[in-house]
Amino acid sequence: MTRKFTKDHEWVLVEGDVATVGVSDFAQSQLGDVVFVELPEAGRVLEQGKEAAVVESVKAASDVYAPISGTVVEANQALVDDPAMVNSAAETDGWFFKIQIKDASELDGLMDEAAYKSFLEEAH
């Protein structure tokens, strides 16, 4: 299982031809207390870099972008019921959706954990 990150602070965890997507721990710390999430419906086709979900905190509403292209196979309904899971478990149980990977080569353009940490240090 490989976890990759985007410059927009989404993460993607690949298991076979399905990828789980969420926001990074850094992103949730910047958002503050998450109070609402809007997730994509199963069957929705997403394009890499395009809006896939919405997360709202006490500070702001932010779009969550698809790190890769594909078709949504599952949304995390537990997150809808308890949006604060984004804060408490951003990179585990607080995942947003699972996507059937359309083009695995898109993963090559994403950062691994070490590169993402360097990106954060340089950007902030």
PDB file of N, CA and C in Angstrom:
ATOM      1  N   MET A   1       0.848  -1.184   0.000  1.00  0.00           N
ATOM      2  CA  MET A   1       0.000   0.000   0.000  1.00  0.00           C
ATOM      3  C   MET A   1       0.890   1.243   0.000  1.00  0.00           C
ATOM      4  N   THR A   2       0.652   2.080  -0.945  1.00  0.00           N
ATOM      5  CA  THR A   2       1.450   3.282  -1.100  1.00  0.00           C
ATOM      6  C   THR A   2       0.578   4.502  -0.853  1.00  0.00           C
ATOM      7  N   ARG A   3       1.035   5.394   0.037  1.00  0.00           N
ATOM      8  CA  ARG A   3       0.313   6.645   0.266  1.00  0.00           C
ATOM      9  C   ARG A   3       1.049   7.754  -0.464  1.00  0.00           C
ATOM     10  N   LYS A   4       0.289   8.521  -1.260  1.00  0.00           N
ATOM     11  CA  LYS A   4       0.838   9.652  -1.999  1.00  0.00           C
ATOM     12  C   LYS A   4       0.072  10.905  -1.601  1.00  0.00           C
ATOM     13  N   PHE A   5       0.669  12.061  -1.858  1.00  0.00           N
ATOM     14  CA  PHE A   5       0.071  13.340  -1.474  1.00  0.00           C
ATOM     15  C   PHE A   5       0.066  14.306  -2.655  1.00  0.00           C
ATOM     16  N   THR A   6      -0.897  15.255  -2.624  1.00  0.00           N
ATOM     17  CA  THR A   6      -0.962  16.312  -3.631  1.00  0.00           C
ATOM     18  C   THR A   6      -0.510  17.628  -3.003  1.00  0.00           C
ATOM     19  N   LYS A   7      -0.248  18.606  -3.849  1.00  0.00           N
ATOM     20  CA  LYS A   7       0.111  19.940  -3.354  1.00  0.00           C
ATOM     21  C   LYS A   7      -1.090  20.639  -2.726  1.00  0.00           C
ATOM     22  N   ASP A   8      -2.293  20.110  -2.965  1.00  0.00           N
ATOM     23  CA  ASP A   8      -3.506  20.655  -2.345  1.00  0.00           C
ATOM     24  C   ASP A   8      -3.826  19.958  -1.028  1.00  0.00           C
ATOM     25  N   HIS A   9      -2.919  19.103  -0.569  1.00  0.00           N
ATOM     26  CA  HIS A   9      -2.998  18.437   0.738  1.00  0.00           C
ATOM     27  C   HIS A   9      -4.023  17.308   0.810  1.00  0.00           C
ATOM     28  N   GLU A  10      -4.324  16.684  -0.335  1.00  0.00           N
ATOM     29  CA  GLU A  10      -5.076  15.436  -0.305  1.00  0.00           C
ATOM     30  C   GLU A  10      -4.077  14.290  -0.246  1.00  0.00           C
ATOM     31  N   TRP A  11      -4.523  13.176   0.309  1.00  0.00           N
ATOM     32  CA  TRP A  11      -3.708  11.950   0.261  1.00  0.00           C
ATOM     33  C   TRP A  11      -4.507  10.875  -0.455  1.00  0.00           C
ATOM     34  N   VAL A  12      -3.773   9.926  -0.995  1.00  0.00           N
ATOM     35  CA  VAL A  12      -4.390   8.796  -1.684  1.00  0.00           C
ATOM     36  C   VAL A  12      -3.616   7.544  -1.279  1.00  0.00           C
ATOM     37  N   LEU A  13      -4.350   6.528  -0.883  1.00  0.00           N
ATOM     38  CA  LEU A  13      -3.754   5.258  -0.459  1.00  0.00           C
ATOM     39  C   LEU A  13      -4.229   4.192  -1.435  1.00  0.00           C
ATOM     40  N   VAL A  14      -3.289   3.606  -2.169  1.00  0.00           N
ATOM     41  CA  VAL A  14      -3.621   2.679  -3.240  1.00  0.00           C
ATOM     42  C   VAL A  14      -3.585   1.237  -2.737  1.00  0.00           C
ATOM     43  N   GLU A  15      -4.674   0.518  -3.007  1.00  0.00           N
ATOM     44  CA  GLU A  15      -4.758  -0.915  -2.714  1.00  0.00           C
ATOM     45  C   GLU A  15      -5.306  -1.580  -3.968  1.00  0.00           C
ATOM     46  N   GLY A  16      -4.411  -2.172  -4.749  1.00  0.00           N
ATOM     47  CA  GLY A  16      -4.839  -2.772  -6.006  1.00  0.00           C
ATOM     48  C   GLY A  16      -5.265  -1.696  -6.980  1.00  0.00           C
ATOM     49  N   ASP A  17      -6.501  -1.779  -7.502  1.00  0.00           N
ATOM     50  CA  ASP A  17      -6.973  -0.772  -8.452  1.00  0.00           C
ATOM     51  C   ASP A  17      -7.972   0.190  -7.822  1.00  0.00           C
ATOM     52  N   VAL A  18      -8.017   0.197  -6.476  1.00  0.00           N
ATOM     53  CA  VAL A  18      -8.878   1.125  -5.750  1.00  0.00           C
ATOM     54  C   VAL A  18      -8.004   2.010  -4.864  1.00  0.00           C
ATOM     55  N   ALA A  19      -8.339   3.305  -4.827  1.00  0.00           N
ATOM     56  CA  ALA A  19      -7.586   4.244  -4.001  1.00  0.00           C
ATOM     57  C   ALA A  19      -8.523   4.908  -3.006  1.00  0.00           C
ATOM     58  N   THR A  20      -8.075   5.003  -1.758  1.00  0.00           N
ATOM     59  CA  THR A  20      -8.804   5.727  -0.716  1.00  0.00           C
ATOM     60  C   THR A  20      -8.249   7.141  -0.667  1.00  0.00           C
ATOM     61  N   VAL A  21      -9.142   8.138  -0.565  1.00  0.00           N
ATOM     62  CA  VAL A  21      -8.744   9.543  -0.626  1.00  0.00           C
ATOM     63  C   VAL A  21      -9.210  10.273   0.627  1.00  0.00           C
ATOM     64  N   GLY A  22      -8.346  11.158   1.133  1.00  0.00           N
ATOM     65  CA  GLY A  22      -8.702  12.004   2.272  1.00  0.00           C
ATOM     66  C   GLY A  22      -7.851  13.261   2.249  1.00  0.00           C
ATOM     67  N   VAL A  23      -7.925  14.033   3.330  1.00  0.00           N
ATOM     68  CA  VAL A  23      -7.079  15.220   3.444  1.00  0.00           C
ATOM     69  C   VAL A  23      -5.986  14.942   4.467  1.00  0.00           C
ATOM     70  N   SER A  24      -4.857  15.592   4.280  1.00  0.00           N
ATOM     71  CA  SER A  24      -3.709  15.339   5.150  1.00  0.00           C
ATOM     72  C   SER A  24      -3.926  15.902   6.551  1.00  0.00           C
ATOM     73  N   ASP A  25      -3.110  15.413   7.462  1.00  0.00           N
ATOM     74  CA  ASP A  25      -3.159  15.909   8.828  1.00  0.00           C
ATOM     75  C   ASP A  25      -2.855  17.403   8.853  1.00  0.00           C
ATOM     76  N   PHE A  26      -1.934  17.838   7.991  1.00  0.00           N
ATOM     77  CA  PHE A  26      -1.626  19.269   7.893  1.00  0.00           C
ATOM     78  C   PHE A  26      -2.876  20.052   7.480  1.00  0.00           C
ATOM     79  N   ALA A  27      -3.601  19.548   6.482  1.00  0.00           N
ATOM     80  CA  ALA A  27      -4.803  20.241   5.990  1.00  0.00           C
ATOM     81  C   ALA A  27      -5.839  20.386   7.094  1.00  0.00           C
ATOM     82  N   GLN A  28      -6.085  19.299   7.840  1.00  0.00           N
ATOM     83  CA  GLN A  28      -7.098  19.400   8.893  1.00  0.00           C
ATOM     84  C   GLN A  28      -6.657  20.378   9.978  1.00  0.00           C
ATOM     85  N   SER A  29      -5.349  20.465  10.246  1.00  0.00           N
ATOM     86  CA  SER A  29      -4.871  21.397  11.273  1.00  0.00           C
ATOM     87  C   SER A  29      -5.068  22.841  10.820  1.00  0.00           C
ATOM     88  N   GLN A  30      -4.971  23.081   9.511  1.00  0.00           N
ATOM     89  CA  GLN A  30      -5.196  24.420   8.964  1.00  0.00           C
ATOM     90  C   GLN A  30      -6.681  24.778   8.936  1.00  0.00           C
ATOM     91  N   LEU A  31      -7.525  23.769   8.740  1.00  0.00           N
ATOM     92  CA  LEU A  31      -8.967  23.998   8.669  1.00  0.00           C
ATOM     93  C   LEU A  31      -9.565  24.376  10.019  1.00  0.00           C
ATOM     94  N   GLY A  32      -9.066  23.762  11.073  1.00  0.00           N
ATOM     95  CA  GLY A  32      -9.703  23.924  12.380  1.00  0.00           C
ATOM     96  C   GLY A  32     -10.808  22.886  12.533  1.00  0.00           C
ATOM     97  N   ASP A  33     -11.734  23.127  13.425  1.00  0.00           N
ATOM     98  CA  ASP A  33     -12.774  22.139  13.735  1.00  0.00           C
ATOM     99  C   ASP A  33     -13.723  21.940  12.555  1.00  0.00           C
ATOM    100  N   VAL A  34     -13.711  20.740  11.992  1.00  0.00           N
ATOM    101  CA  VAL A  34     -14.569  20.416  10.849  1.00  0.00           C
ATOM    102  C   VAL A  34     -15.990  20.152  11.344  1.00  0.00           C
ATOM    103  N   VAL A  35     -16.958  20.809  10.695  1.00  0.00           N
ATOM    104  CA  VAL A  35     -18.353  20.701  11.129  1.00  0.00           C
ATOM    105  C   VAL A  35     -19.268  20.078  10.071  1.00  0.00           C
ATOM    106  N   PHE A  36     -18.771  19.955   8.821  1.00  0.00           N
ATOM    107  CA  PHE A  36     -19.629  19.429   7.752  1.00  0.00           C
ATOM    108  C   PHE A  36     -18.756  18.919   6.617  1.00  0.00           C
ATOM    109  N   VAL A  37     -19.168  17.814   6.000  1.00  0.00           N
ATOM    110  CA  VAL A  37     -18.522  17.341   4.772  1.00  0.00           C
ATOM    111  C   VAL A  37     -19.595  16.993   3.752  1.00  0.00           C
ATOM    112  N   GLU A  38     -19.292  17.250   2.504  1.00  0.00           N
ATOM    113  CA  GLU A  38     -20.151  16.848   1.395  1.00  0.00           C
ATOM    114  C   GLU A  38     -19.317  15.924   0.523  1.00  0.00           C
ATOM    115  N   LEU A  39     -19.760  14.689   0.404  1.00  0.00           N
ATOM    116  CA  LEU A  39     -18.979  13.671  -0.293  1.00  0.00           C
ATOM    117  C   LEU A  39     -19.599  13.329  -1.643  1.00  0.00           C
ATOM    118  N   PRO A  40     -18.781  12.849  -2.588  1.00  0.00           N
ATOM    119  CA  PRO A  40     -19.321  12.467  -3.899  1.00  0.00           C
ATOM    120  C   PRO A  40     -20.126  11.169  -3.799  1.00  0.00           C
ATOM    121  N   GLU A  41     -21.116  11.048  -4.650  1.00  0.00           N
ATOM    122  CA  GLU A  41     -21.949   9.841  -4.709  1.00  0.00           C
ATOM    123  C   GLU A  41     -21.191   8.713  -5.399  1.00  0.00           C
ATOM    124  N   ALA A  42     -21.467   7.482  -4.993  1.00  0.00           N
ATOM    125  CA  ALA A  42     -20.912   6.322  -5.694  1.00  0.00           C
ATOM    126  C   ALA A  42     -21.356   6.375  -7.145  1.00  0.00           C
ATOM    127  N   GLY A  43     -20.445   6.061  -8.056  1.00  0.00           N
ATOM    128  CA  GLY A  43     -20.746   6.102  -9.479  1.00  0.00           C
ATOM    129  C   GLY A  43     -20.321   7.389 -10.153  1.00  0.00           C
ATOM    130  N   ARG A  44     -20.035   8.432  -9.366  1.00  0.00           N
ATOM    131  CA  ARG A  44     -19.601   9.708  -9.946  1.00  0.00           C
ATOM    132  C   ARG A  44     -18.192   9.559 -10.524  1.00  0.00           C
ATOM    133  N   VAL A  45     -18.006  10.060 -11.723  1.00  0.00           N
ATOM    134  CA  VAL A  45     -16.700  10.012 -12.373  1.00  0.00           C
ATOM    135  C   VAL A  45     -15.954  11.305 -12.031  1.00  0.00           C
ATOM    136  N   LEU A  46     -14.746  11.141 -11.497  1.00  0.00           N
ATOM    137  CA  LEU A  46     -13.937  12.293 -11.092  1.00  0.00           C
ATOM    138  C   LEU A  46     -12.728  12.433 -12.002  1.00  0.00           C
ATOM    139  N   GLU A  47     -12.343  13.686 -12.235  1.00  0.00           N
ATOM    140  CA  GLU A  47     -11.139  13.971 -13.011  1.00  0.00           C
ATOM    141  C   GLU A  47     -10.061  14.473 -12.077  1.00  0.00           C
ATOM    142  N   GLN A  48      -8.823  14.065 -12.345  1.00  0.00           N
ATOM    143  CA  GLN A  48      -7.704  14.492 -11.524  1.00  0.00           C
ATOM    144  C   GLN A  48      -7.657  16.015 -11.455  1.00  0.00           C
ATOM    145  N   GLY A  49      -7.514  16.545 -10.222  1.00  0.00           N
ATOM    146  CA  GLY A  49      -7.386  17.981 -10.020  1.00  0.00           C
ATOM    147  C   GLY A  49      -8.687  18.741  -9.972  1.00  0.00           C
ATOM    148  N   LYS A  50      -9.810  18.048 -10.205  1.00  0.00           N
ATOM    149  CA  LYS A  50     -11.121  18.706 -10.184  1.00  0.00           C
ATOM    150  C   LYS A  50     -11.795  18.492  -8.825  1.00  0.00           C
ATOM    151  N   GLU A  51     -12.766  19.353  -8.507  1.00  0.00           N
ATOM    152  CA  GLU A  51     -13.472  19.280  -7.231  1.00  0.00           C
ATOM    153  C   GLU A  51     -14.176  17.936  -7.072  1.00  0.00           C
ATOM    154  N   ALA A  52     -13.999  17.333  -5.894  1.00  0.00           N
ATOM    155  CA  ALA A  52     -14.623  16.036  -5.627  1.00  0.00           C
ATOM    156  C   ALA A  52     -15.515  16.070  -4.398  1.00  0.00           C
ATOM    157  N   ALA A  53     -15.151  16.887  -3.411  1.00  0.00           N
ATOM    158  CA  ALA A  53     -15.886  16.938  -2.153  1.00  0.00           C
ATOM    159  C   ALA A  53     -15.721  18.335  -1.554  1.00  0.00           C
ATOM    160  N   VAL A  54     -16.478  18.592  -0.486  1.00  0.00           N
ATOM    161  CA  VAL A  54     -16.377  19.866   0.226  1.00  0.00           C
ATOM    162  C   VAL A  54     -16.231  19.567   1.709  1.00  0.00           C
ATOM    163  N   VAL A  55     -15.369  20.331   2.363  1.00  0.00           N
ATOM    164  CA  VAL A  55     -15.207  20.212   3.808  1.00  0.00           C
ATOM    165  C   VAL A  55     -15.373  21.610   4.394  1.00  0.00           C
ATOM    166  N   GLU A  56     -16.218  21.704   5.428  1.00  0.00           N
ATOM    167  CA  GLU A  56     -16.441  22.997   6.079  1.00  0.00           C
ATOM    168  C   GLU A  56     -15.997  22.908   7.520  1.00  0.00           C
ATOM    169  N   SER A  57     -15.306  23.976   7.941  1.00  0.00           N
ATOM    170  CA  SER A  57     -14.881  24.063   9.336  1.00  0.00           C
ATOM    171  C   SER A  57     -15.470  25.339   9.917  1.00  0.00           C
ATOM    172  N   VAL A  58     -15.169  25.575  11.189  1.00  0.00           N
ATOM    173  CA  VAL A  58     -15.637  26.808  11.806  1.00  0.00           C
ATOM    174  C   VAL A  58     -14.974  28.021  11.162  1.00  0.00           C
ATOM    175  N   LYS A  59     -13.833  27.800  10.475  1.00  0.00           N
ATOM    176  CA  LYS A  59     -13.102  28.897   9.827  1.00  0.00           C
ATOM    177  C   LYS A  59     -13.542  29.135   8.387  1.00  0.00           C
ATOM    178  N   ALA A  60     -13.723  28.046   7.611  1.00  0.00           N
ATOM    179  CA  ALA A  60     -13.926  28.215   6.165  1.00  0.00           C
ATOM    180  C   ALA A  60     -14.460  26.944   5.527  1.00  0.00           C
ATOM    181  N   ALA A  61     -14.913  27.098   4.300  1.00  0.00           N
ATOM    182  CA  ALA A  61     -15.282  25.933   3.479  1.00  0.00           C
ATOM    183  C   ALA A  61     -14.189  25.754   2.440  1.00  0.00           C
ATOM    184  N   SER A  62     -13.808  24.520   2.192  1.00  0.00           N
ATOM    185  CA  SER A  62     -12.745  24.235   1.226  1.00  0.00           C
ATOM    186  C   SER A  62     -13.151  23.084   0.327  1.00  0.00           C
ATOM    187  N   ASP A  63     -12.705  23.157  -0.908  1.00  0.00           N
ATOM    188  CA  ASP A  63     -12.914  22.050  -1.827  1.00  0.00           C
ATOM    189  C   ASP A  63     -11.856  20.988  -1.590  1.00  0.00           C
ATOM    190  N   VAL A  64     -12.251  19.750  -1.810  1.00  0.00           N
ATOM    191  CA  VAL A  64     -11.315  18.625  -1.806  1.00  0.00           C
ATOM    192  C   VAL A  64     -11.245  18.161  -3.257  1.00  0.00           C
ATOM    193  N   TYR A  65     -10.035  18.075  -3.789  1.00  0.00           N
ATOM    194  CA  TYR A  65      -9.852  17.744  -5.198  1.00  0.00           C
ATOM    195  C   TYR A  65      -9.482  16.274  -5.366  1.00  0.00           C
ATOM    196  N   ALA A  66      -9.854  15.716  -6.494  1.00  0.00           N
ATOM    197  CA  ALA A  66      -9.511  14.323  -6.797  1.00  0.00           C
ATOM    198  C   ALA A  66      -8.020  14.253  -7.125  1.00  0.00           C
ATOM    199  N   PRO A  67      -7.250  13.474  -6.372  1.00  0.00           N
ATOM    200  CA  PRO A  67      -5.820  13.374  -6.653  1.00  0.00           C
ATOM    201  C   PRO A  67      -5.528  12.592  -7.934  1.00  0.00           C
ATOM    202  N   ILE A  68      -6.476  11.751  -8.335  1.00  0.00           N
ATOM    203  CA  ILE A  68      -6.364  10.973  -9.571  1.00  0.00           C
ATOM    204  C   ILE A  68      -7.761  10.840 -10.169  1.00  0.00           C
ATOM    205  N   SER A  69      -7.816  10.441 -11.427  1.00  0.00           N
ATOM    206  CA  SER A  69      -9.102  10.249 -12.105  1.00  0.00           C
ATOM    207  C   SER A  69      -9.651   8.855 -11.823  1.00  0.00           C
ATOM    208  N   GLY A  70     -10.977   8.757 -11.840  1.00  0.00           N
ATOM    209  CA  GLY A  70     -11.615   7.465 -11.653  1.00  0.00           C
ATOM    210  C   GLY A  70     -13.065   7.596 -11.264  1.00  0.00           C
ATOM    211  N   THR A  71     -13.653   6.472 -10.890  1.00  0.00           N
ATOM    212  CA  THR A  71     -15.070   6.425 -10.523  1.00  0.00           C
ATOM    213  C   THR A  71     -15.207   6.142  -9.040  1.00  0.00           C
ATOM    214  N   VAL A  72     -16.017   6.943  -8.359  1.00  0.00           N
ATOM    215  CA  VAL A  72     -16.242   6.754  -6.924  1.00  0.00           C
ATOM    216  C   VAL A  72     -16.948   5.422  -6.690  1.00  0.00           C
ATOM    217  N   VAL A  73     -16.382   4.592  -5.822  1.00  0.00           N
ATOM    218  CA  VAL A  73     -17.012   3.319  -5.491  1.00  0.00           C
ATOM    219  C   VAL A  73     -17.631   3.334  -4.094  1.00  0.00           C
ATOM    220  N   GLU A  74     -17.185   4.269  -3.247  1.00  0.00           N
ATOM    221  CA  GLU A  74     -17.735   4.342  -1.895  1.00  0.00           C
ATOM    222  C   GLU A  74     -17.415   5.699  -1.285  1.00  0.00           C
ATOM    223  N   ALA A  75     -18.368   6.246  -0.535  1.00  0.00           N
ATOM    224  CA  ALA A  75     -18.137   7.451   0.256  1.00  0.00           C
ATOM    225  C   ALA A  75     -18.184   7.046   1.730  1.00  0.00           C
ATOM    226  N   ASN A  76     -17.432   7.733   2.544  1.00  0.00           N
ATOM    227  CA  ASN A  76     -17.344   7.416   3.972  1.00  0.00           C
ATOM    228  C   ASN A  76     -18.531   8.020   4.715  1.00  0.00           C
ATOM    229  N   GLN A  77     -19.621   7.245   4.825  1.00  0.00           N
ATOM    230  CA  GLN A  77     -20.835   7.759   5.468  1.00  0.00           C
ATOM    231  C   GLN A  77     -20.609   8.089   6.945  1.00  0.00           C
ATOM    232  N   ALA A  78     -19.669   7.401   7.594  1.00  0.00           N
ATOM    233  CA  ALA A  78     -19.368   7.706   9.002  1.00  0.00           C
ATOM    234  C   ALA A  78     -18.888   9.144   9.143  1.00  0.00           C
ATOM    235  N   LEU A  79     -18.237   9.661   8.121  1.00  0.00           N
ATOM    236  CA  LEU A  79     -17.725  11.026   8.137  1.00  0.00           C
ATOM    237  C   LEU A  79     -18.864  12.040   8.052  1.00  0.00           C
ATOM    238  N   VAL A  80     -19.903  11.706   7.311  1.00  0.00           N
ATOM    239  CA  VAL A  80     -21.071  12.580   7.219  1.00  0.00           C
ATOM    240  C   VAL A  80     -21.725  12.703   8.596  1.00  0.00           C
ATOM    241  N   ASP A  81     -21.821  11.568   9.300  1.00  0.00           N
ATOM    242  CA  ASP A  81     -22.433  11.553  10.629  1.00  0.00           C
ATOM    243  C   ASP A  81     -21.553  12.209  11.683  1.00  0.00           C
ATOM    244  N   ASP A  82     -20.227  12.127  11.499  1.00  0.00           N
ATOM    245  CA  ASP A  82     -19.283  12.653  12.488  1.00  0.00           C
ATOM    246  C   ASP A  82     -18.124  13.349  11.776  1.00  0.00           C
ATOM    247  N   PRO A  83     -18.365  14.576  11.238  1.00  0.00           N
ATOM    248  CA  PRO A  83     -17.329  15.274  10.474  1.00  0.00           C
ATOM    249  C   PRO A  83     -16.052  15.528  11.274  1.00  0.00           C
ATOM    250  N   ALA A  84     -16.133  15.558  12.592  1.00  0.00           N
ATOM    251  CA  ALA A  84     -14.949  15.805  13.422  1.00  0.00           C
ATOM    252  C   ALA A  84     -13.899  14.706  13.264  1.00  0.00           C
ATOM    253  N   MET A  85     -14.283  13.563  12.671  1.00  0.00           N
ATOM    254  CA  MET A  85     -13.294  12.511  12.404  1.00  0.00           C
ATOM    255  C   MET A  85     -12.188  13.005  11.486  1.00  0.00           C
ATOM    256  N   VAL A  86     -12.475  14.028  10.677  1.00  0.00           N
ATOM    257  CA  VAL A  86     -11.432  14.612   9.835  1.00  0.00           C
ATOM    258  C   VAL A  86     -10.315  15.147  10.731  1.00  0.00           C
ATOM    259  N   ASN A  87     -10.686  15.760  11.864  1.00  0.00           N
ATOM    260  CA  ASN A  87      -9.692  16.306  12.776  1.00  0.00           C
ATOM    261  C   ASN A  87      -8.977  15.228  13.576  1.00  0.00           C
ATOM    262  N   SER A  88      -9.717  14.229  14.028  1.00  0.00           N
ATOM    263  CA  SER A  88      -9.125  13.232  14.930  1.00  0.00           C
ATOM    264  C   SER A  88      -8.404  12.109  14.198  1.00  0.00           C
ATOM    265  N   ALA A  89      -8.765  11.861  12.938  1.00  0.00           N
ATOM    266  CA  ALA A  89      -8.185  10.722  12.212  1.00  0.00           C
ATOM    267  C   ALA A  89      -8.068  11.036  10.717  1.00  0.00           C
ATOM    268  N   ALA A  90      -7.461  12.172  10.401  1.00  0.00           N
ATOM    269  CA  ALA A  90      -7.419  12.658   9.016  1.00  0.00           C
ATOM    270  C   ALA A  90      -6.840  11.637   8.042  1.00  0.00           C
ATOM    271  N   GLU A  91      -5.813  10.914   8.464  1.00  0.00           N
ATOM    272  CA  GLU A  91      -5.139  10.018   7.529  1.00  0.00           C
ATOM    273  C   GLU A  91      -5.467   8.547   7.775  1.00  0.00           C
ATOM    274  N   THR A  92      -6.544   8.294   8.551  1.00  0.00           N
ATOM    275  CA  THR A  92      -6.991   6.913   8.766  1.00  0.00           C
ATOM    276  C   THR A  92      -8.503   6.833   8.589  1.00  0.00           C
ATOM    277  N   ASP A  93      -9.262   6.781   9.692  1.00  0.00           N
ATOM    278  CA  ASP A  93     -10.716   6.617   9.620  1.00  0.00           C
ATOM    279  C   ASP A  93     -11.442   7.819   9.029  1.00  0.00           C
ATOM    280  N   GLY A  94     -10.769   8.960   8.931  1.00  0.00           N
ATOM    281  CA  GLY A  94     -11.390  10.172   8.402  1.00  0.00           C
ATOM    282  C   GLY A  94     -11.278  10.323   6.895  1.00  0.00           C
ATOM    283  N   TRP A  95     -11.124   9.181   6.188  1.00  0.00           N
ATOM    284  CA  TRP A  95     -11.058   9.224   4.719  1.00  0.00           C
ATOM    285  C   TRP A  95     -12.376   9.722   4.134  1.00  0.00           C
ATOM    286  N   PHE A  96     -12.330  10.254   2.916  1.00  0.00           N
ATOM    287  CA  PHE A  96     -13.505  10.846   2.275  1.00  0.00           C
ATOM    288  C   PHE A  96     -14.213   9.888   1.327  1.00  0.00           C
ATOM    289  N   PHE A  97     -13.462   9.301   0.395  1.00  0.00           N
ATOM    290  CA  PHE A  97     -14.089   8.406  -0.579  1.00  0.00           C
ATOM    291  C   PHE A  97     -13.059   7.443  -1.143  1.00  0.00           C
ATOM    292  N   LYS A  98     -13.584   6.385  -1.782  1.00  0.00           N
ATOM    293  CA  LYS A  98     -12.747   5.416  -2.481  1.00  0.00           C
ATOM    294  C   LYS A  98     -13.069   5.518  -3.962  1.00  0.00           C
ATOM    295  N   ILE A  99     -12.032   5.370  -4.772  1.00  0.00           N
ATOM    296  CA  ILE A  99     -12.168   5.585  -6.202  1.00  0.00           C
ATOM    297  C   ILE A  99     -11.528   4.424  -6.969  1.00  0.00           C
ATOM    298  N   GLN A 100     -12.227   3.977  -8.004  1.00  0.00           N
ATOM    299  CA  GLN A 100     -11.672   2.979  -8.930  1.00  0.00           C
ATOM    300  C   GLN A 100     -10.697   3.729  -9.835  1.00  0.00           C
ATOM    301  N   ILE A 101      -9.433   3.320  -9.815  1.00  0.00           N
ATOM    302  CA  ILE A 101      -8.396   4.054 -10.541  1.00  0.00           C
ATOM    303  C   ILE A 101      -8.570   3.890 -12.048  1.00  0.00           C
ATOM    304  N   LYS A 102      -8.610   5.026 -12.753  1.00  0.00           N
ATOM    305  CA  LYS A 102      -8.750   5.013 -14.209  1.00  0.00           C
ATOM    306  C   LYS A 102      -7.385   4.890 -14.884  1.00  0.00           C
ATOM    307  N   ASP A 103      -6.392   5.638 -14.375  1.00  0.00           N
ATOM    308  CA  ASP A 103      -5.069   5.667 -15.006  1.00  0.00           C
ATOM    309  C   ASP A 103      -3.997   5.712 -13.908  1.00  0.00           C
ATOM    310  N   ALA A 104      -3.432   4.571 -13.605  1.00  0.00           N
ATOM    311  CA  ALA A 104      -2.461   4.469 -12.501  1.00  0.00           C
ATOM    312  C   ALA A 104      -1.235   5.347 -12.723  1.00  0.00           C
ATOM    313  N   SER A 105      -0.943   5.707 -13.962  1.00  0.00           N
ATOM    314  CA  SER A 105       0.239   6.543 -14.220  1.00  0.00           C
ATOM    315  C   SER A 105       0.090   7.937 -13.606  1.00  0.00           C
ATOM    316  N   GLU A 106      -1.154   8.371 -13.339  1.00  0.00           N
ATOM    317  CA  GLU A 106      -1.364   9.674 -12.693  1.00  0.00           C
ATOM    318  C   GLU A 106      -0.727   9.713 -11.303  1.00  0.00           C
ATOM    319  N   LEU A 107      -0.585   8.550 -10.679  1.00  0.00           N
ATOM    320  CA  LEU A 107       0.025   8.477  -9.350  1.00  0.00           C
ATOM    321  C   LEU A 107       1.488   8.905  -9.378  1.00  0.00           C
ATOM    322  N   ASP A 108       2.129   8.750 -10.523  1.00  0.00           N
ATOM    323  CA  ASP A 108       3.547   9.094 -10.639  1.00  0.00           C
ATOM    324  C   ASP A 108       3.799  10.578 -10.406  1.00  0.00           C
ATOM    325  N   GLY A 109       2.801  11.418 -10.644  1.00  0.00           N
ATOM    326  CA  GLY A 109       2.959  12.859 -10.465  1.00  0.00           C
ATOM    327  C   GLY A 109       2.723  13.333  -9.045  1.00  0.00           C
ATOM    328  N   LEU A 110       2.373  12.419  -8.150  1.00  0.00           N
ATOM    329  CA  LEU A 110       2.102  12.788  -6.762  1.00  0.00           C
ATOM    330  C   LEU A 110       3.345  12.570  -5.904  1.00  0.00           C
ATOM    331  N   MET A 111       3.341  13.187  -4.728  1.00  0.00           N
ATOM    332  CA  MET A 111       4.492  13.107  -3.826  1.00  0.00           C
ATOM    333  C   MET A 111       4.376  11.938  -2.864  1.00  0.00           C
ATOM    334  N   ASP A 112       5.496  11.301  -2.566  1.00  0.00           N
ATOM    335  CA  ASP A 112       5.501  10.325  -1.485  1.00  0.00           C
ATOM    336  C   ASP A 112       5.584  11.082  -0.163  1.00  0.00           C
ATOM    337  N   GLU A 113       5.541  10.345   0.941  1.00  0.00           N
ATOM    338  CA  GLU A 113       5.484  10.985   2.250  1.00  0.00           C
ATOM    339  C   GLU A 113       6.688  11.892   2.508  1.00  0.00           C
ATOM    340  N   ALA A 114       7.874  11.441   2.139  1.00  0.00           N
ATOM    341  CA  ALA A 114       9.092  12.244   2.361  1.00  0.00           C
ATOM    342  C   ALA A 114       9.049  13.536   1.539  1.00  0.00           C
ATOM    343  N   ALA A 115       8.638  13.427   0.284  1.00  0.00           N
ATOM    344  CA  ALA A 115       8.562  14.609  -0.585  1.00  0.00           C
ATOM    345  C   ALA A 115       7.498  15.578  -0.058  1.00  0.00           C
ATOM    346  N   TYR A 116       6.386  15.048   0.444  1.00  0.00           N
ATOM    347  CA  TYR A 116       5.323  15.907   0.977  1.00  0.00           C
ATOM    348  C   TYR A 116       5.823  16.660   2.207  1.00  0.00           C
ATOM    349  N   LYS A 117       6.549  15.982   3.090  1.00  0.00           N
ATOM    350  CA  LYS A 117       7.108  16.644   4.280  1.00  0.00           C
ATOM    351  C   LYS A 117       8.043  17.779   3.861  1.00  0.00           C
ATOM    352  N   SER A 118       8.884  17.535   2.871  1.00  0.00           N
ATOM    353  CA  SER A 118       9.786  18.588   2.351  1.00  0.00           C
ATOM    354  C   SER A 118       8.993  19.736   1.775  1.00  0.00           C
ATOM    355  N   PHE A 119       7.921  19.419   1.020  1.00  0.00           N
ATOM    356  CA  PHE A 119       7.046  20.439   0.442  1.00  0.00           C
ATOM    357  C   PHE A 119       6.454  21.321   1.535  1.00  0.00           C
ATOM    358  N   LEU A 120       5.989  20.710   2.618  1.00  0.00           N
ATOM    359  CA  LEU A 120       5.409  21.478   3.730  1.00  0.00           C
ATOM    360  C   LEU A 120       6.449  22.394   4.365  1.00  0.00           C
ATOM    361  N   GLU A 121       7.658  21.873   4.553  1.00  0.00           N
ATOM    362  CA  GLU A 121       8.717  22.667   5.177  1.00  0.00           C
ATOM    363  C   GLU A 121       9.095  23.859   4.300  1.00  0.00           C
ATOM    364  N   GLU A 122       9.124  23.663   2.994  1.00  0.00           N
ATOM    365  CA  GLU A 122       9.476  24.735   2.081  1.00  0.00           C
ATOM    366  C   GLU A 122       8.360  25.776   1.967  1.00  0.00           C
ATOM    367  N   ALA A 123       7.124  25.302   1.999  1.00  0.00           N
ATOM    368  CA  ALA A 123       5.977  26.190   1.794  1.00  0.00           C
ATOM    369  C   ALA A 123       5.623  26.999   3.042  1.00  0.00           C
ATOM    370  N   HIS A 124       6.010  26.479   4.192  1.00  0.00           N
ATOM    371  CA  HIS A 124       5.570  27.149   5.425  1.00  0.00           C
ATOM    372  C   HIS A 124       6.739  27.466   6.279  1.00  0.00           C
TER     373      HIS A 124
END
